[in-house]
Amino acid sequence: MNDLHLTTTPTADPRVFDTYWMTGLIQKGRVRVTTPRLDDARTAAELAAAQYLLTVKNVCGHNKAGAGLRIYTSSGTIPELMAGISPKSYLVPYANFLRTRFLGAEVQHCESPYIWADELCESQVDFLDVPKPSVTVLDVSGVGPVELTAHAVEQYVARFDRKPEKAWRELARIARDVQPAVLLNRNVMNDIKHRRPGRYALDEKRSVLLVIAEPDRIGRLPRLVTVVHPESNARVVATNALAAAGA
């Protein structure tokens, strides 16, 4: 198991927090996090620091996902966010990485004292500016970078009876193998109703269809909103047809 211990303390600035971390008796550090103004900015800071430590600093290993990972947090709100019972909905985007790439990780709230947070934490100090929550991104063949939503991961696990801790890696492999697809004889009223027709990507070998929504605002990525078993009208788009459409 890989353990990540966290505790976060405020500073004189209400937007700046120090998150102390430990993955072993010697491997320790501190991340100074600057957040937007939020009612519970401390929890946002701890979540942002955790994502940075796991995905950028790789303190628990490179290309880590939820399998074999335990996170001990000083914020009781974080387990509530993962369980979907927190009233602090504005923090949900900050916890998205725990419900996508790191789904299946054990997350526990630990009370003080945090006797491990000592002077050794000053041996590694990082500075992190968080103007907005980060997103988990998949590179989907034929589409490009796509935001992975928690709903899509949950639907993949439920519909395909997959293990949560393996879902992100499996979806990443599927995303590399899919081809752009269309749904024949699709009811045009669906597109009129939603105004923004989605895109589809089909993995014929695994029989998996990705449903991708177009960006709803400038500067946003397309979003993988759900994963389904393809119906009989799903067809891969021929390469020459795609080229003709782009001409």
Protein backbone atom coordinates (compact mmCIF):
# COMPACT_ATOMS: atom_id res chain seq x y z
CA MET A 1 0.00 0.00 0.00
CA ASN A 2 1.01 3.61 -0.63
CA ASP A 3 0.00 5.98 2.18
CA LEU A 4 -0.32 9.74 1.82
CA HIS A 5 -0.83 11.71 5.05
CA LEU A 6 -2.07 15.31 4.85
CA THR A 7 -2.78 18.16 7.21
CA THR A 8 -3.49 21.76 6.25
CA THR A 9 -3.12 24.92 8.31
CA PRO A 10 -4.15 28.52 7.52
CA THR A 11 -1.78 31.47 7.22
CA ALA A 12 -2.37 35.17 7.82
CA ASP A 13 -3.77 35.40 4.28
CA PRO A 14 -7.27 33.79 4.07
CA ARG A 15 -6.45 32.51 0.57
CA VAL A 16 -3.11 30.90 1.48
CA PHE A 17 -2.65 27.57 3.27
CA ASP A 18 0.20 25.23 4.14
CA THR A 19 -0.45 21.55 3.43
CA TYR A 20 2.04 19.28 5.16
CA TRP A 21 2.43 15.79 3.72
CA MET A 22 4.15 12.50 4.42
CA THR A 23 4.47 9.23 2.50
CA GLY A 24 7.01 7.63 4.82
CA LEU A 25 8.98 8.38 7.94
CA ILE A 26 11.48 10.42 5.92
CA GLN A 27 9.61 11.40 2.73
CA LYS A 28 7.87 14.58 3.85
CA GLY A 29 7.24 18.10 2.63
CA ARG A 30 5.05 21.18 2.58
CA VAL A 31 2.96 22.73 -0.19
CA ARG A 32 1.97 26.38 0.12
CA VAL A 33 -1.36 26.64 -1.70
CA THR A 34 -3.11 29.79 -2.88
CA THR A 35 -6.83 29.33 -3.57
CA PRO A 36 -9.77 31.47 -4.65
CA ARG A 37 -11.88 32.97 -1.87
CA LEU A 38 -14.15 30.18 -0.67
CA ASP A 39 -16.09 29.48 2.51
CA ASP A 40 -14.05 26.31 3.02
CA ALA A 41 -10.85 27.23 1.23
CA ARG A 42 -8.83 24.99 3.56
CA THR A 43 -10.46 21.86 2.15
CA ALA A 44 -9.99 23.14 -1.41
CA ALA A 45 -6.31 23.72 -0.63
CA GLU A 46 -5.85 20.22 0.78
CA LEU A 47 -7.54 18.65 -2.24
CA ALA A 48 -5.47 20.72 -4.67
CA ALA A 49 -2.28 19.82 -2.81
CA ALA A 50 -3.19 16.12 -2.85
CA GLN A 51 -3.80 16.18 -6.60
CA TYR A 52 -0.51 18.00 -7.18
CA LEU A 53 1.42 15.55 -4.99
CA LEU A 54 -0.10 12.50 -6.69
CA THR A 55 -0.11 13.60 -10.34
CA VAL A 56 2.71 16.14 -10.68
CA LYS A 57 5.19 15.45 -7.90
CA ASN A 58 4.38 11.70 -8.03
CA VAL A 59 5.12 11.16 -4.33
CA CYS A 60 3.34 7.78 -4.40
CA GLY A 61 4.83 6.65 -7.70
CA HIS A 62 4.58 7.52 -11.37
CA ASN A 63 1.31 6.85 -13.22
CA LYS A 64 -0.40 6.07 -9.91
CA ALA A 65 -4.15 5.41 -9.73
CA GLY A 66 -6.53 4.34 -6.97
CA ALA A 67 -5.32 0.76 -6.49
CA GLY A 68 -3.23 0.35 -3.35
CA LEU A 69 -3.54 4.00 -2.31
CA ARG A 70 -4.61 5.27 1.11
CA ILE A 71 -5.08 8.98 1.79
CA TYR A 72 -5.31 10.25 5.36
CA THR A 73 -6.84 13.73 5.30
CA SER A 74 -7.28 16.37 8.00
CA SER A 75 -10.56 17.53 6.42
CA GLY A 76 -13.71 15.61 7.30
CA THR A 77 -15.39 17.15 4.27
CA ILE A 78 -13.28 15.17 1.80
CA PRO A 79 -14.75 11.72 2.62
CA GLU A 80 -18.20 13.34 2.51
CA LEU A 81 -17.49 14.73 -0.97
CA MET A 82 -16.47 11.28 -2.16
CA ALA A 83 -19.64 9.79 -0.71
CA GLY A 84 -21.79 12.49 -2.32
CA ILE A 85 -23.23 13.67 1.00
CA SER A 86 -21.42 16.98 1.50
CA PRO A 87 -23.55 20.15 1.34
CA LYS A 88 -20.49 22.03 0.01
CA SER A 89 -21.23 21.47 -3.67
CA TYR A 90 -18.76 24.18 -4.72
CA LEU A 91 -15.96 21.83 -3.60
CA VAL A 92 -17.07 18.92 -5.82
CA PRO A 93 -14.84 19.96 -8.76
CA TYR A 94 -11.80 20.01 -6.45
CA ALA A 95 -12.49 16.37 -5.49
CA ASN A 96 -13.05 15.21 -9.08
CA PHE A 97 -9.63 13.53 -9.30
CA LEU A 98 -10.58 11.22 -6.41
CA ARG A 99 -13.72 10.13 -8.28
CA THR A 100 -12.00 9.62 -11.65
CA ARG A 101 -8.31 8.70 -11.81
CA PHE A 102 -8.08 7.78 -8.12
CA LEU A 103 -11.45 6.09 -7.77
CA GLY A 104 -11.08 3.13 -5.43
CA ALA A 105 -8.47 4.75 -3.19
CA GLU A 106 -9.14 4.58 0.54
CA VAL A 107 -9.75 8.04 1.99
CA GLN A 108 -9.91 8.46 5.77
CA HIS A 109 -10.32 11.48 8.01
CA CYS A 110 -7.70 11.65 10.77
CA GLU A 111 -7.94 13.92 13.79
CA SER A 112 -5.01 15.88 15.24
CA PRO A 113 -2.38 15.79 16.64
CA TYR A 114 -0.29 15.28 13.53
CA ILE A 115 2.99 14.55 15.27
CA TRP A 116 4.62 13.56 11.98
CA ALA A 117 4.32 17.16 10.66
CA ASP A 118 7.71 18.30 11.93
CA GLU A 119 10.79 20.18 10.73
CA LEU A 120 11.54 17.50 8.12
CA CYS A 121 8.57 18.85 6.13
CA GLU A 122 10.69 21.92 5.40
CA SER A 123 13.11 19.80 3.37
CA GLN A 124 10.74 19.93 0.36
CA VAL A 125 8.66 23.08 -0.09
CA ASP A 126 6.48 23.64 -3.16
CA PHE A 127 4.28 26.58 -4.12
CA LEU A 128 0.95 25.96 -5.83
CA ASP A 129 -1.40 28.61 -7.23
CA VAL A 130 -4.92 27.23 -7.80
CA PRO A 131 -7.07 29.75 -9.71
CA LYS A 132 -9.64 27.01 -10.44
CA PRO A 133 -10.06 23.25 -9.97
CA SER A 134 -8.00 20.99 -12.23
CA VAL A 135 -9.66 18.37 -14.42
CA THR A 136 -8.73 14.79 -15.27
CA VAL A 137 -7.97 14.51 -18.98
CA LEU A 138 -8.04 11.54 -21.37
CA ASP A 139 -6.54 11.61 -24.85
CA VAL A 140 -9.31 10.16 -27.03
CA SER A 141 -8.27 8.89 -30.45
CA GLY A 142 -9.79 11.00 -33.21
CA VAL A 143 -10.97 13.65 -30.75
CA GLY A 144 -7.98 14.81 -28.68
CA PRO A 145 -7.93 15.91 -25.03
CA VAL A 146 -11.25 15.26 -23.28
CA GLU A 147 -12.29 16.01 -19.71
CA LEU A 148 -13.15 12.82 -17.82
CA THR A 149 -16.22 13.25 -15.61
CA ALA A 150 -16.95 11.33 -12.44
CA HIS A 151 -20.33 10.34 -13.86
CA ALA A 152 -18.70 8.66 -16.86
CA VAL A 153 -16.37 6.64 -14.64
CA GLU A 154 -19.21 5.60 -12.34
CA GLN A 155 -21.34 4.54 -15.30
CA TYR A 156 -18.47 2.53 -16.79
CA VAL A 157 -17.93 0.69 -13.50
CA ALA A 158 -21.65 -0.03 -13.08
CA ARG A 159 -22.55 -0.96 -16.66
CA PHE A 160 -19.48 -3.06 -17.41
CA ASP A 161 -19.07 -4.54 -13.91
CA ARG A 162 -15.51 -3.28 -13.55
CA LYS A 163 -13.40 -2.72 -10.45
CA PRO A 164 -13.38 0.98 -9.45
CA GLU A 165 -9.63 1.07 -8.82
CA LYS A 166 -8.95 -0.14 -12.38
CA ALA A 167 -11.48 2.05 -14.18
CA TRP A 168 -9.20 4.98 -15.06
CA ARG A 169 -6.48 2.79 -16.59
CA GLU A 170 -9.04 0.80 -18.57
CA LEU A 171 -10.76 3.93 -19.86
CA ALA A 172 -7.37 5.35 -20.87
CA ARG A 173 -6.69 2.22 -22.95
CA ILE A 174 -10.17 2.33 -24.46
CA ALA A 175 -9.69 6.02 -25.33
CA ARG A 176 -6.52 5.15 -27.27
CA ASP A 177 -8.27 2.38 -29.23
CA VAL A 178 -11.61 3.99 -30.12
CA GLN A 179 -12.59 5.32 -33.52
CA PRO A 180 -15.02 8.15 -34.29
CA ALA A 181 -18.53 6.77 -34.70
CA VAL A 182 -22.07 7.76 -35.62
CA LEU A 183 -25.48 6.50 -34.60
CA LEU A 184 -27.49 5.64 -37.71
CA ASN A 185 -31.12 6.77 -37.87
CA ARG A 186 -30.68 8.90 -34.76
CA ASN A 187 -33.80 10.83 -33.81
CA VAL A 188 -33.13 14.45 -34.84
CA MET A 189 -35.31 15.63 -31.94
CA ASN A 190 -32.51 14.57 -29.58
CA ASP A 191 -30.11 17.05 -31.17
CA ILE A 192 -32.75 19.78 -31.20
CA LYS A 193 -33.50 19.17 -27.53
CA HIS A 194 -29.85 19.28 -26.44
CA ARG A 195 -28.81 21.98 -28.96
CA ARG A 196 -25.24 20.63 -28.94
CA PRO A 197 -25.09 17.18 -30.55
CA GLY A 198 -22.58 14.93 -28.85
CA ARG A 199 -19.76 13.02 -30.46
CA TYR A 200 -19.29 9.28 -30.26
CA ALA A 201 -16.22 7.07 -30.19
CA LEU A 202 -16.50 3.30 -30.52
CA ASP A 203 -14.18 0.53 -29.34
CA GLU A 204 -15.49 -2.36 -31.42
CA LYS A 205 -13.19 -4.95 -29.84
CA ARG A 206 -14.37 -4.24 -26.29
CA SER A 207 -17.90 -3.21 -27.35
CA VAL A 208 -17.72 0.16 -25.58
CA LEU A 209 -19.19 3.46 -26.79
CA LEU A 210 -17.93 6.78 -25.41
CA VAL A 211 -20.38 9.69 -25.42
CA ILE A 212 -18.59 13.04 -25.59
CA ALA A 213 -20.30 16.41 -25.08
CA GLU A 214 -19.04 19.48 -26.88
CA PRO A 215 -17.59 22.30 -24.72
CA ASP A 216 -20.30 24.44 -23.15
CA ARG A 217 -18.03 27.49 -22.84
CA ILE A 218 -15.03 28.96 -24.62
CA GLY A 219 -11.81 27.59 -23.18
CA ARG A 220 -13.38 24.35 -21.95
CA LEU A 221 -12.55 20.86 -23.21
CA PRO A 222 -15.07 18.39 -24.61
CA ARG A 223 -16.35 16.16 -21.79
CA LEU A 224 -16.70 12.40 -21.63
CA VAL A 225 -20.16 12.34 -20.05
CA THR A 226 -21.04 8.64 -20.14
CA VAL A 227 -19.93 5.21 -21.30
CA VAL A 228 -22.43 2.69 -22.67
CA HIS A 229 -22.81 -0.61 -24.46
CA PRO A 230 -23.22 0.30 -28.16
CA GLU A 231 -26.57 -0.37 -29.77
CA SER A 232 -26.90 -1.97 -33.18
CA ASN A 233 -27.01 1.41 -34.94
CA ALA A 234 -23.49 2.45 -33.83
CA ARG A 235 -21.04 2.54 -36.73
CA VAL A 236 -17.39 3.53 -37.03
CA VAL A 237 -16.93 6.46 -39.39
CA ALA A 238 -14.71 5.60 -42.35
CA THR A 239 -11.42 7.50 -42.48
CA ASN A 240 -12.13 8.86 -45.96
CA ALA A 241 -15.51 10.14 -44.77
CA LEU A 242 -13.83 12.06 -41.95
CA ALA A 243 -11.32 13.54 -44.38
CA ALA A 244 -14.12 14.62 -46.72
CA ALA A 245 -16.02 16.21 -43.84
CA GLY A 246 -12.97 18.22 -42.84
CA ALA A 247 -12.21 19.37 -46.39
